Amino acid sequence: MTLMNDKVHAYKDQMGALSDVLPDVVKAYHEFTGECFQPGSLDAKTKQLIALGIGLFANNEVCTLYHVAEARSKGATNEEIMEAVAVAGAVGGGHALSQGAMRVQEALH
């Protein structure tokens, strides 16, 4: 838990420093993401699980750690979180395989 807290806090500190330089950009980013994560047709927990999968696919460590914590805070179980991990793995593997099947085979011909 300390690693997660340290990295997420470091991110928040750096966003604070960025806000000193680009306050309007940081404010707009926080307003935009805040609105995106509001419950709507999808509940907040589902949105956090989606964000976790995207964070994993993008290989973004801070987002991964942050969205695990946020998914838990929205009621996600360990099993739901790991299922999101599995889906991200399927999408990531499918991405590589589909691009390989198309691009590599095109390059071979």
PDB file of N, CA and C in Angstrom:
ATOM      1  N   MET A   1       0.817  -1.188   0.000  1.00  0.00           N
ATOM      2  CA  MET A   1       0.000   0.000   0.000  1.00  0.00           C
ATOM      3  C   MET A   1       0.865   1.258   0.000  1.00  0.00           C
ATOM      4  N   THR A   2       2.042   1.196   0.591  1.00  0.00           N
ATOM      5  CA  THR A   2       2.920   2.362   0.653  1.00  0.00           C
ATOM      6  C   THR A   2       3.393   2.770  -0.730  1.00  0.00           C
ATOM      7  N   LEU A   3       3.781   1.783  -1.566  1.00  0.00           N
ATOM      8  CA  LEU A   3       4.219   2.097  -2.929  1.00  0.00           C
ATOM      9  C   LEU A   3       3.125   2.848  -3.668  1.00  0.00           C
ATOM     10  N   MET A   4       1.899   2.350  -3.554  1.00  0.00           N
ATOM     11  CA  MET A   4       0.786   2.996  -4.232  1.00  0.00           C
ATOM     12  C   MET A   4       0.615   4.411  -3.710  1.00  0.00           C
ATOM     13  N   ASN A   5       0.583   4.566  -2.413  1.00  0.00           N
ATOM     14  CA  ASN A   5       0.402   5.895  -1.834  1.00  0.00           C
ATOM     15  C   ASN A   5       1.525   6.844  -2.238  1.00  0.00           C
ATOM     16  N   ASP A   6       2.770   6.362  -2.211  1.00  0.00           N
ATOM     17  CA  ASP A   6       3.911   7.198  -2.574  1.00  0.00           C
ATOM     18  C   ASP A   6       3.806   7.675  -4.021  1.00  0.00           C
ATOM     19  N   LYS A   7       3.493   6.771  -4.927  1.00  0.00           N
ATOM     20  CA  LYS A   7       3.435   7.132  -6.347  1.00  0.00           C
ATOM     21  C   LYS A   7       2.249   8.045  -6.650  1.00  0.00           C
ATOM     22  N   VAL A   8       1.112   7.752  -6.058  1.00  0.00           N
ATOM     23  CA  VAL A   8      -0.066   8.589  -6.295  1.00  0.00           C
ATOM     24  C   VAL A   8       0.156   9.974  -5.685  1.00  0.00           C
ATOM     25  N   HIS A   9       0.752  10.032  -4.500  1.00  0.00           N
ATOM     26  CA  HIS A   9       1.038  11.330  -3.885  1.00  0.00           C
ATOM     27  C   HIS A   9       2.060  12.109  -4.705  1.00  0.00           C
ATOM     28  N   ALA A  10       3.060  11.428  -5.236  1.00  0.00           N
ATOM     29  CA  ALA A  10       4.050  12.099  -6.081  1.00  0.00           C
ATOM     30  C   ALA A  10       3.375  12.681  -7.325  1.00  0.00           C
ATOM     31  N   TYR A  11       2.452  11.921  -7.908  1.00  0.00           N
ATOM     32  CA  TYR A  11       1.704  12.412  -9.070  1.00  0.00           C
ATOM     33  C   TYR A  11       0.914  13.667  -8.696  1.00  0.00           C
ATOM     34  N   LYS A  12       0.219  13.599  -7.575  1.00  0.00           N
ATOM     35  CA  LYS A  12      -0.585  14.753  -7.147  1.00  0.00           C
ATOM     36  C   LYS A  12       0.304  15.966  -6.873  1.00  0.00           C
ATOM     37  N   ASP A  13       1.471  15.739  -6.291  1.00  0.00           N
ATOM     38  CA  ASP A  13       2.418  16.833  -6.059  1.00  0.00           C
ATOM     39  C   ASP A  13       2.858  17.457  -7.377  1.00  0.00           C
ATOM     40  N   GLN A  14       3.163  16.605  -8.349  1.00  0.00           N
ATOM     41  CA  GLN A  14       3.609  17.116  -9.645  1.00  0.00           C
ATOM     42  C   GLN A  14       2.483  17.845 -10.382  1.00  0.00           C
ATOM     43  N   MET A  15       1.253  17.363 -10.219  1.00  0.00           N
ATOM     44  CA  MET A  15       0.120  18.082 -10.812  1.00  0.00           C
ATOM     45  C   MET A  15      -0.035  19.450 -10.151  1.00  0.00           C
ATOM     46  N   GLY A  16       0.233  19.520  -8.862  1.00  0.00           N
ATOM     47  CA  GLY A  16       0.208  20.818  -8.175  1.00  0.00           C
ATOM     48  C   GLY A  16       1.263  21.757  -8.720  1.00  0.00           C
ATOM     49  N   ALA A  17       2.452  21.223  -8.985  1.00  0.00           N
ATOM     50  CA  ALA A  17       3.520  22.037  -9.562  1.00  0.00           C
ATOM     51  C   ALA A  17       3.151  22.482 -10.979  1.00  0.00           C
ATOM     52  N   LEU A  18       2.536  21.580 -11.745  1.00  0.00           N
ATOM     53  CA  LEU A  18       2.102  21.940 -13.092  1.00  0.00           C
ATOM     54  C   LEU A  18       1.029  23.022 -13.039  1.00  0.00           C
ATOM     55  N   SER A  19       0.188  22.950 -12.030  1.00  0.00           N
ATOM     56  CA  SER A  19      -0.861  23.941 -11.856  1.00  0.00           C
ATOM     57  C   SER A  19      -0.281  25.335 -11.602  1.00  0.00           C
ATOM     58  N   ASP A  20       0.888  25.384 -10.990  1.00  0.00           N
ATOM     59  CA  ASP A  20       1.552  26.677 -10.784  1.00  0.00           C
ATOM     60  C   ASP A  20       1.949  27.304 -12.117  1.00  0.00           C
ATOM     61  N   VAL A  21       2.252  26.467 -13.103  1.00  0.00           N
ATOM     62  CA  VAL A  21       2.699  26.941 -14.411  1.00  0.00           C
ATOM     63  C   VAL A  21       1.530  27.100 -15.380  1.00  0.00           C
ATOM     64  N   LEU A  22       0.624  26.116 -15.372  1.00  0.00           N
ATOM     65  CA  LEU A  22      -0.510  26.093 -16.301  1.00  0.00           C
ATOM     66  C   LEU A  22      -1.813  25.887 -15.542  1.00  0.00           C
ATOM     67  N   PRO A  23      -2.207  26.867 -14.743  1.00  0.00           N
ATOM     68  CA  PRO A  23      -3.380  26.658 -13.887  1.00  0.00           C
ATOM     69  C   PRO A  23      -4.665  26.376 -14.658  1.00  0.00           C
ATOM     70  N   ASP A  24      -4.872  27.035 -15.769  1.00  0.00           N
ATOM     71  CA  ASP A  24      -6.105  26.820 -16.524  1.00  0.00           C
ATOM     72  C   ASP A  24      -6.164  25.427 -17.138  1.00  0.00           C
ATOM     73  N   VAL A  25      -5.018  24.919 -17.580  1.00  0.00           N
ATOM     74  CA  VAL A  25      -4.964  23.572 -18.168  1.00  0.00           C
ATOM     75  C   VAL A  25      -5.284  22.533 -17.108  1.00  0.00           C
ATOM     76  N   VAL A  26      -4.660  22.643 -15.956  1.00  0.00           N
ATOM     77  CA  VAL A  26      -4.892  21.675 -14.881  1.00  0.00           C
ATOM     78  C   VAL A  26      -6.340  21.753 -14.395  1.00  0.00           C
ATOM     79  N   LYS A  27      -6.856  22.950 -14.253  1.00  0.00           N
ATOM     80  CA  LYS A  27      -8.248  23.114 -13.830  1.00  0.00           C
ATOM     81  C   LYS A  27      -9.196  22.477 -14.842  1.00  0.00           C
ATOM     82  N   ALA A  28      -8.963  22.731 -16.119  1.00  0.00           N
ATOM     83  CA  ALA A  28      -9.821  22.165 -17.169  1.00  0.00           C
ATOM     84  C   ALA A  28      -9.721  20.639 -17.181  1.00  0.00           C
ATOM     85  N   TYR A  29      -8.515  20.108 -16.993  1.00  0.00           N
ATOM     86  CA  TYR A  29      -8.328  18.661 -16.961  1.00  0.00           C
ATOM     87  C   TYR A  29      -9.116  18.050 -15.801  1.00  0.00           C
ATOM     88  N   HIS A  30      -8.994  18.647 -14.623  1.00  0.00           N
ATOM     89  CA  HIS A  30      -9.699  18.113 -13.453  1.00  0.00           C
ATOM     90  C   HIS A  30     -11.210  18.217 -13.610  1.00  0.00           C
ATOM     91  N   GLU A  31     -11.688  19.306 -14.183  1.00  0.00           N
ATOM     92  CA  GLU A  31     -13.127  19.439 -14.417  1.00  0.00           C
ATOM     93  C   GLU A  31     -13.612  18.387 -15.416  1.00  0.00           C
ATOM     94  N   PHE A  32     -12.846  18.199 -16.492  1.00  0.00           N
ATOM     95  CA  PHE A  32     -13.210  17.219 -17.524  1.00  0.00           C
ATOM     96  C   PHE A  32     -13.236  15.809 -16.951  1.00  0.00           C
ATOM     97  N   THR A  33     -12.151  15.400 -16.287  1.00  0.00           N
ATOM     98  CA  THR A  33     -12.112  14.036 -15.756  1.00  0.00           C
ATOM     99  C   THR A  33     -13.133  13.851 -14.645  1.00  0.00           C
ATOM    100  N   GLY A  34     -13.328  14.888 -13.839  1.00  0.00           N
ATOM    101  CA  GLY A  34     -14.345  14.797 -12.795  1.00  0.00           C
ATOM    102  C   GLY A  34     -15.722  14.532 -13.368  1.00  0.00           C
ATOM    103  N   GLU A  35     -16.042  15.216 -14.438  1.00  0.00           N
ATOM    104  CA  GLU A  35     -17.338  15.020 -15.092  1.00  0.00           C
ATOM    105  C   GLU A  35     -17.426  13.622 -15.710  1.00  0.00           C
ATOM    106  N   CYS A  36     -16.356  13.170 -16.339  1.00  0.00           N
ATOM    107  CA  CYS A  36     -16.355  11.842 -16.983  1.00  0.00           C
ATOM    108  C   CYS A  36     -16.589  10.714 -15.989  1.00  0.00           C
ATOM    109  N   PHE A  37     -16.119  10.873 -14.766  1.00  0.00           N
ATOM    110  CA  PHE A  37     -16.238   9.807 -13.775  1.00  0.00           C
ATOM    111  C   PHE A  37     -17.506   9.903 -12.928  1.00  0.00           C
ATOM    112  N   GLN A  38     -18.364  10.871 -13.217  1.00  0.00           N
ATOM    113  CA  GLN A  38     -19.643  10.951 -12.513  1.00  0.00           C
ATOM    114  C   GLN A  38     -20.533   9.786 -12.950  1.00  0.00           C
ATOM    115  N   PRO A  39     -21.302   9.230 -12.031  1.00  0.00           N
ATOM    116  CA  PRO A  39     -22.229   8.171 -12.432  1.00  0.00           C
ATOM    117  C   PRO A  39     -23.208   8.694 -13.487  1.00  0.00           C
ATOM    118  N   GLY A  40     -23.468   7.867 -14.459  1.00  0.00           N
ATOM    119  CA  GLY A  40     -24.426   8.180 -15.513  1.00  0.00           C
ATOM    120  C   GLY A  40     -25.059   6.873 -15.941  1.00  0.00           C
ATOM    121  N   SER A  41     -25.043   6.603 -17.223  1.00  0.00           N
ATOM    122  CA  SER A  41     -25.515   5.299 -17.699  1.00  0.00           C
ATOM    123  C   SER A  41     -24.640   4.184 -17.140  1.00  0.00           C
ATOM    124  N   LEU A  42     -23.363   4.503 -16.923  1.00  0.00           N
ATOM    125  CA  LEU A  42     -22.443   3.574 -16.245  1.00  0.00           C
ATOM    126  C   LEU A  42     -22.241   4.069 -14.818  1.00  0.00           C
ATOM    127  N   ASP A  43     -22.206   3.136 -13.875  1.00  0.00           N
ATOM    128  CA  ASP A  43     -21.964   3.558 -12.496  1.00  0.00           C
ATOM    129  C   ASP A  43     -20.477   3.864 -12.288  1.00  0.00           C
ATOM    130  N   ALA A  44     -20.173   4.527 -11.182  1.00  0.00           N
ATOM    131  CA  ALA A  44     -18.804   4.972 -10.896  1.00  0.00           C
ATOM    132  C   ALA A  44     -17.825   3.806 -10.802  1.00  0.00           C
ATOM    133  N   LYS A  45     -18.258   2.689 -10.236  1.00  0.00           N
ATOM    134  CA  LYS A  45     -17.373   1.526 -10.118  1.00  0.00           C
ATOM    135  C   LYS A  45     -16.991   1.005 -11.496  1.00  0.00           C
ATOM    136  N   THR A  46     -17.961   0.888 -12.381  1.00  0.00           N
ATOM    137  CA  THR A  46     -17.685   0.393 -13.739  1.00  0.00           C
ATOM    138  C   THR A  46     -16.722   1.333 -14.457  1.00  0.00           C
ATOM    139  N   LYS A  47     -16.908   2.620 -14.292  1.00  0.00           N
ATOM    140  CA  LYS A  47     -16.015   3.586 -14.930  1.00  0.00           C
ATOM    141  C   LYS A  47     -14.589   3.435 -14.410  1.00  0.00           C
ATOM    142  N   GLN A  48     -14.437   3.180 -13.112  1.00  0.00           N
ATOM    143  CA  GLN A  48     -13.099   2.979 -12.558  1.00  0.00           C
ATOM    144  C   GLN A  48     -12.467   1.692 -13.082  1.00  0.00           C
ATOM    145  N   LEU A  49     -13.260   0.648 -13.255  1.00  0.00           N
ATOM    146  CA  LEU A  49     -12.724  -0.607 -13.805  1.00  0.00           C
ATOM    147  C   LEU A  49     -12.309  -0.430 -15.264  1.00  0.00           C
ATOM    148  N   ILE A  50     -13.065   0.345 -16.016  1.00  0.00           N
ATOM    149  CA  ILE A  50     -12.673   0.655 -17.399  1.00  0.00           C
ATOM    150  C   ILE A  50     -11.355   1.425 -17.396  1.00  0.00           C
ATOM    151  N   ALA A  51     -11.269   2.435 -16.536  1.00  0.00           N
ATOM    152  CA  ALA A  51     -10.044   3.230 -16.458  1.00  0.00           C
ATOM    153  C   ALA A  51      -8.845   2.372 -16.055  1.00  0.00           C
ATOM    154  N   LEU A  52      -9.066   1.420 -15.170  1.00  0.00           N
ATOM    155  CA  LEU A  52      -7.996   0.500 -14.788  1.00  0.00           C
ATOM    156  C   LEU A  52      -7.501  -0.278 -16.001  1.00  0.00           C
ATOM    157  N   GLY A  53      -8.422  -0.829 -16.778  1.00  0.00           N
ATOM    158  CA  GLY A  53      -8.032  -1.584 -17.970  1.00  0.00           C
ATOM    159  C   GLY A  53      -7.254  -0.737 -18.958  1.00  0.00           C
ATOM    160  N   ILE A  54      -7.687   0.504 -19.158  1.00  0.00           N
ATOM    161  CA  ILE A  54      -6.985   1.400 -20.071  1.00  0.00           C
ATOM    162  C   ILE A  54      -5.611   1.748 -19.516  1.00  0.00           C
ATOM    163  N   GLY A  55      -5.545   1.994 -18.213  1.00  0.00           N
ATOM    164  CA  GLY A  55      -4.251   2.282 -17.591  1.00  0.00           C
ATOM    165  C   GLY A  55      -3.264   1.142 -17.765  1.00  0.00           C
ATOM    166  N   LEU A  56      -3.762  -0.092 -17.634  1.00  0.00           N
ATOM    167  CA  LEU A  56      -2.891  -1.256 -17.844  1.00  0.00           C
ATOM    168  C   LEU A  56      -2.447  -1.337 -19.293  1.00  0.00           C
ATOM    169  N   PHE A  57      -3.389  -1.172 -20.207  1.00  0.00           N
ATOM    170  CA  PHE A  57      -3.068  -1.252 -21.637  1.00  0.00           C
ATOM    171  C   PHE A  57      -2.051  -0.182 -22.026  1.00  0.00           C
ATOM    172  N   ALA A  58      -2.188   1.011 -21.434  1.00  0.00           N
ATOM    173  CA  ALA A  58      -1.279   2.115 -21.725  1.00  0.00           C
ATOM    174  C   ALA A  58       0.042   2.001 -20.954  1.00  0.00           C
ATOM    175  N   ASN A  59       0.152   0.989 -20.091  1.00  0.00           N
ATOM    176  CA  ASN A  59       1.343   0.781 -19.265  1.00  0.00           C
ATOM    177  C   ASN A  59       1.610   2.000 -18.383  1.00  0.00           C
ATOM    178  N   ASN A  60       0.544   2.568 -17.815  1.00  0.00           N
ATOM    179  CA  ASN A  60       0.641   3.742 -16.964  1.00  0.00           C
ATOM    180  C   ASN A  60       0.539   3.292 -15.509  1.00  0.00           C
ATOM    181  N   GLU A  61       1.671   3.259 -14.843  1.00  0.00           N
ATOM    182  CA  GLU A  61       1.729   2.734 -13.474  1.00  0.00           C
ATOM    183  C   GLU A  61       0.884   3.555 -12.499  1.00  0.00           C
ATOM    184  N   VAL A  62       0.990   4.862 -12.565  1.00  0.00           N
ATOM    185  CA  VAL A  62       0.241   5.697 -11.629  1.00  0.00           C
ATOM    186  C   VAL A  62      -1.254   5.527 -11.835  1.00  0.00           C
ATOM    187  N   CYS A  63      -1.702   5.523 -13.102  1.00  0.00           N
ATOM    188  CA  CYS A  63      -3.134   5.329 -13.356  1.00  0.00           C
ATOM    189  C   CYS A  63      -3.590   3.953 -12.874  1.00  0.00           C
ATOM    190  N   THR A  64      -2.773   2.954 -13.079  1.00  0.00           N
ATOM    191  CA  THR A  64      -3.125   1.619 -12.620  1.00  0.00           C
ATOM    192  C   THR A  64      -3.327   1.620 -11.104  1.00  0.00           C
ATOM    193  N   LEU A  65      -2.363   2.140 -10.379  1.00  0.00           N
ATOM    194  CA  LEU A  65      -2.461   2.174  -8.920  1.00  0.00           C
ATOM    195  C   LEU A  65      -3.642   3.024  -8.464  1.00  0.00           C
ATOM    196  N   TYR A  66      -3.806   4.179  -9.073  1.00  0.00           N
ATOM    197  CA  TYR A  66      -4.879   5.090  -8.694  1.00  0.00           C
ATOM    198  C   TYR A  66      -6.248   4.463  -8.934  1.00  0.00           C
ATOM    199  N   HIS A  67      -6.438   3.853 -10.107  1.00  0.00           N
ATOM    200  CA  HIS A  67      -7.763   3.333 -10.435  1.00  0.00           C
ATOM    201  C   HIS A  67      -8.090   2.034  -9.695  1.00  0.00           C
ATOM    202  N   VAL A  68      -7.083   1.287  -9.266  1.00  0.00           N
ATOM    203  CA  VAL A  68      -7.358   0.162  -8.360  1.00  0.00           C
ATOM    204  C   VAL A  68      -7.951   0.710  -7.064  1.00  0.00           C
ATOM    205  N   ALA A  69      -7.299   1.725  -6.507  1.00  0.00           N
ATOM    206  CA  ALA A  69      -7.786   2.312  -5.253  1.00  0.00           C
ATOM    207  C   ALA A  69      -9.174   2.917  -5.439  1.00  0.00           C
ATOM    208  N   GLU A  70      -9.384   3.610  -6.544  1.00  0.00           N
ATOM    209  CA  GLU A  70     -10.690   4.224  -6.785  1.00  0.00           C
ATOM    210  C   GLU A  70     -11.773   3.168  -7.011  1.00  0.00           C
ATOM    211  N   ALA A  71     -11.438   2.104  -7.739  1.00  0.00           N
ATOM    212  CA  ALA A  71     -12.423   1.028  -7.954  1.00  0.00           C
ATOM    213  C   ALA A  71     -12.807   0.409  -6.616  1.00  0.00           C
ATOM    214  N   ARG A  72     -11.825   0.173  -5.765  1.00  0.00           N
ATOM    215  CA  ARG A  72     -12.111  -0.374  -4.432  1.00  0.00           C
ATOM    216  C   ARG A  72     -12.999   0.574  -3.638  1.00  0.00           C
ATOM    217  N   SER A  73     -12.705   1.868  -3.722  1.00  0.00           N
ATOM    218  CA  SER A  73     -13.492   2.836  -2.961  1.00  0.00           C
ATOM    219  C   SER A  73     -14.930   2.920  -3.465  1.00  0.00           C
ATOM    220  N   LYS A  74     -15.152   2.484  -4.694  1.00  0.00           N
ATOM    221  CA  LYS A  74     -16.500   2.471  -5.277  1.00  0.00           C
ATOM    222  C   LYS A  74     -17.172   1.114  -5.096  1.00  0.00           C
ATOM    223  N   GLY A  75     -16.518   0.209  -4.350  1.00  0.00           N
ATOM    224  CA  GLY A  75     -17.135  -1.071  -4.020  1.00  0.00           C
ATOM    225  C   GLY A  75     -16.682  -2.259  -4.841  1.00  0.00           C
ATOM    226  N   ALA A  76     -15.697  -2.088  -5.704  1.00  0.00           N
ATOM    227  CA  ALA A  76     -15.213  -3.223  -6.503  1.00  0.00           C
ATOM    228  C   ALA A  76     -14.511  -4.240  -5.604  1.00  0.00           C
ATOM    229  N   THR A  77     -14.789  -5.495  -5.860  1.00  0.00           N
ATOM    230  CA  THR A  77     -14.129  -6.578  -5.134  1.00  0.00           C
ATOM    231  C   THR A  77     -12.799  -6.904  -5.809  1.00  0.00           C
ATOM    232  N   ASN A  78     -11.965  -7.640  -5.103  1.00  0.00           N
ATOM    233  CA  ASN A  78     -10.711  -8.091  -5.705  1.00  0.00           C
ATOM    234  C   ASN A  78     -10.984  -8.897  -6.967  1.00  0.00           C
ATOM    235  N   GLU A  79     -12.035  -9.713  -6.943  1.00  0.00           N
ATOM    236  CA  GLU A  79     -12.371 -10.536  -8.107  1.00  0.00           C
ATOM    237  C   GLU A  79     -12.773  -9.666  -9.299  1.00  0.00           C
ATOM    238  N   GLU A  80     -13.546  -8.612  -9.053  1.00  0.00           N
ATOM    239  CA  GLU A  80     -13.931  -7.710 -10.141  1.00  0.00           C
ATOM    240  C   GLU A  80     -12.713  -6.987 -10.705  1.00  0.00           C
ATOM    241  N   ILE A  81     -11.828  -6.560  -9.830  1.00  0.00           N
ATOM    242  CA  ILE A  81     -10.611  -5.877 -10.273  1.00  0.00           C
ATOM    243  C   ILE A  81      -9.761  -6.819 -11.121  1.00  0.00           C
ATOM    244  N   MET A  82      -9.585  -8.050 -10.667  1.00  0.00           N
ATOM    245  CA  MET A  82      -8.776  -9.000 -11.432  1.00  0.00           C
ATOM    246  C   MET A  82      -9.460  -9.399 -12.735  1.00  0.00           C
ATOM    247  N   GLU A  83     -10.779  -9.405 -12.768  1.00  0.00           N
ATOM    248  CA  GLU A  83     -11.493  -9.673 -14.015  1.00  0.00           C
ATOM    249  C   GLU A  83     -11.240  -8.541 -15.010  1.00  0.00           C
ATOM    250  N   ALA A  84     -11.199  -7.299 -14.517  1.00  0.00           N
ATOM    251  CA  ALA A  84     -10.855  -6.167 -15.383  1.00  0.00           C
ATOM    252  C   ALA A  84      -9.435  -6.322 -15.917  1.00  0.00           C
ATOM    253  N   VAL A  85      -8.532  -6.817 -15.079  1.00  0.00           N
ATOM    254  CA  VAL A  85      -7.154  -7.086 -15.511  1.00  0.00           C
ATOM    255  C   VAL A  85      -7.155  -8.123 -16.638  1.00  0.00           C
ATOM    256  N   ALA A  86      -7.939  -9.171 -16.481  1.00  0.00           N
ATOM    257  CA  ALA A  86      -8.010 -10.217 -17.506  1.00  0.00           C
ATOM    258  C   ALA A  86      -8.548  -9.661 -18.825  1.00  0.00           C
ATOM    259  N   VAL A  87      -9.575  -8.820 -18.746  1.00  0.00           N
ATOM    260  CA  VAL A  87     -10.131  -8.218 -19.964  1.00  0.00           C
ATOM    261  C   VAL A  87      -9.082  -7.336 -20.636  1.00  0.00           C
ATOM    262  N   ALA A  88      -8.350  -6.558 -19.844  1.00  0.00           N
ATOM    263  CA  ALA A  88      -7.281  -5.730 -20.411  1.00  0.00           C
ATOM    264  C   ALA A  88      -6.223  -6.603 -21.086  1.00  0.00           C
ATOM    265  N   GLY A  89      -5.917  -7.742 -20.471  1.00  0.00           N
ATOM    266  CA  GLY A  89      -4.963  -8.676 -21.076  1.00  0.00           C
ATOM    267  C   GLY A  89      -5.475  -9.237 -22.392  1.00  0.00           C
ATOM    268  N   ALA A  90      -6.764  -9.539 -22.444  1.00  0.00           N
ATOM    269  CA  ALA A  90      -7.352 -10.055 -23.686  1.00  0.00           C
ATOM    270  C   ALA A  90      -7.310  -9.005 -24.780  1.00  0.00           C
ATOM    271  N   VAL A  91      -7.636  -7.769 -24.426  1.00  0.00           N
ATOM    272  CA  VAL A  91      -7.613  -6.688 -25.414  1.00  0.00           C
ATOM    273  C   VAL A  91      -6.182  -6.421 -25.874  1.00  0.00           C
ATOM    274  N   GLY A  92      -5.245  -6.397 -24.926  1.00  0.00           N
ATOM    275  CA  GLY A  92      -3.843  -6.168 -25.279  1.00  0.00           C
ATOM    276  C   GLY A  92      -3.288  -7.268 -26.158  1.00  0.00           C
ATOM    277  N   GLY A  93      -3.602  -8.506 -25.810  1.00  0.00           N
ATOM    278  CA  GLY A  93      -3.150  -9.627 -26.630  1.00  0.00           C
ATOM    279  C   GLY A  93      -3.823  -9.630 -27.989  1.00  0.00           C
ATOM    280  N   GLY A  94      -5.112  -9.317 -27.999  1.00  0.00           N
ATOM    281  CA  GLY A  94      -5.847  -9.245 -29.259  1.00  0.00           C
ATOM    282  C   GLY A  94      -5.319  -8.145 -30.155  1.00  0.00           C
ATOM    283  N   HIS A  95      -4.924  -7.052 -29.549  1.00  0.00           N
ATOM    284  CA  HIS A  95      -4.365  -5.938 -30.314  1.00  0.00           C
ATOM    285  C   HIS A  95      -3.082  -6.368 -31.025  1.00  0.00           C
ATOM    286  N   ALA A  96      -2.182  -6.991 -30.280  1.00  0.00           N
ATOM    287  CA  ALA A  96      -0.923  -7.429 -30.883  1.00  0.00           C
ATOM    288  C   ALA A  96      -1.161  -8.491 -31.948  1.00  0.00           C
ATOM    289  N   LEU A  97      -2.040  -9.436 -31.658  1.00  0.00           N
ATOM    290  CA  LEU A  97      -2.300 -10.513 -32.610  1.00  0.00           C
ATOM    291  C   LEU A  97      -2.976  -9.984 -33.868  1.00  0.00           C
ATOM    292  N   SER A  98      -3.976  -9.120 -33.732  1.00  0.00           N
ATOM    293  CA  SER A  98      -4.671  -8.610 -34.916  1.00  0.00           C
ATOM    294  C   SER A  98      -3.747  -7.758 -35.770  1.00  0.00           C
ATOM    295  N   GLN A  99      -2.926  -6.925 -35.131  1.00  0.00           N
ATOM    296  CA  GLN A  99      -1.993  -6.101 -35.908  1.00  0.00           C
ATOM    297  C   GLN A  99      -0.917  -6.965 -36.553  1.00  0.00           C
ATOM    298  N   GLY A 100      -0.471  -7.980 -35.831  1.00  0.00           N
ATOM    299  CA  GLY A 100       0.509  -8.898 -36.409  1.00  0.00           C
ATOM    300  C   GLY A 100      -0.058  -9.650 -37.596  1.00  0.00           C
ATOM    301  N   ALA A 101      -1.282 -10.119 -37.429  1.00  0.00           N
ATOM    302  CA  ALA A 101      -1.907 -10.878 -38.520  1.00  0.00           C
ATOM    303  C   ALA A 101      -2.053 -10.007 -39.759  1.00  0.00           C
ATOM    304  N   MET A 102      -2.382  -8.756 -39.577  1.00  0.00           N
ATOM    305  CA  MET A 102      -2.609  -7.889 -40.730  1.00  0.00           C
ATOM    306  C   MET A 102      -1.312  -7.260 -41.229  1.00  0.00           C
ATOM    307  N   ARG A 103      -0.616  -6.545 -40.389  1.00  0.00           N
ATOM    308  CA  ARG A 103       0.574  -5.784 -40.825  1.00  0.00           C
ATOM    309  C   ARG A 103       1.741  -6.687 -41.191  1.00  0.00           C
ATOM    310  N   VAL A 104       2.014  -7.675 -40.349  1.00  0.00           N
ATOM    311  CA  VAL A 104       3.162  -8.533 -40.623  1.00  0.00           C
ATOM    312  C   VAL A 104       2.918  -9.367 -41.879  1.00  0.00           C
ATOM    313  N   GLN A 105       1.717  -9.918 -41.988  1.00  0.00           N
ATOM    314  CA  GLN A 105       1.438 -10.708 -43.196  1.00  0.00           C
ATOM    315  C   GLN A 105       1.462  -9.842 -44.442  1.00  0.00           C
ATOM    316  N   GLU A 106       1.021  -8.594 -44.329  1.00  0.00           N
ATOM    317  CA  GLU A 106       1.102  -7.668 -45.465  1.00  0.00           C
ATOM    318  C   GLU A 106       2.557  -7.421 -45.816  1.00  0.00           C
ATOM    319  N   ALA A 107       3.408  -7.235 -44.799  1.00  0.00           N
ATOM    320  CA  ALA A 107       4.827  -6.987 -45.035  1.00  0.00           C
ATOM    321  C   ALA A 107       5.517  -8.209 -45.645  1.00  0.00           C
ATOM    322  N   LEU A 108       5.038  -9.398 -45.308  1.00  0.00           N
ATOM    323  CA  LEU A 108       5.640 -10.618 -45.850  1.00  0.00           C
ATOM    324  C   LEU A 108       5.300 -10.832 -47.321  1.00  0.00           C
ATOM    325  N   HIS A 109       4.228 -10.224 -47.741  1.00  0.00           N
ATOM    326  CA  HIS A 109       3.822 -10.396 -49.135  1.00  0.00           C
ATOM    327  C   HIS A 109       4.276  -9.213 -49.895  1.00  0.00           C
TER     328      HIS A 109
END
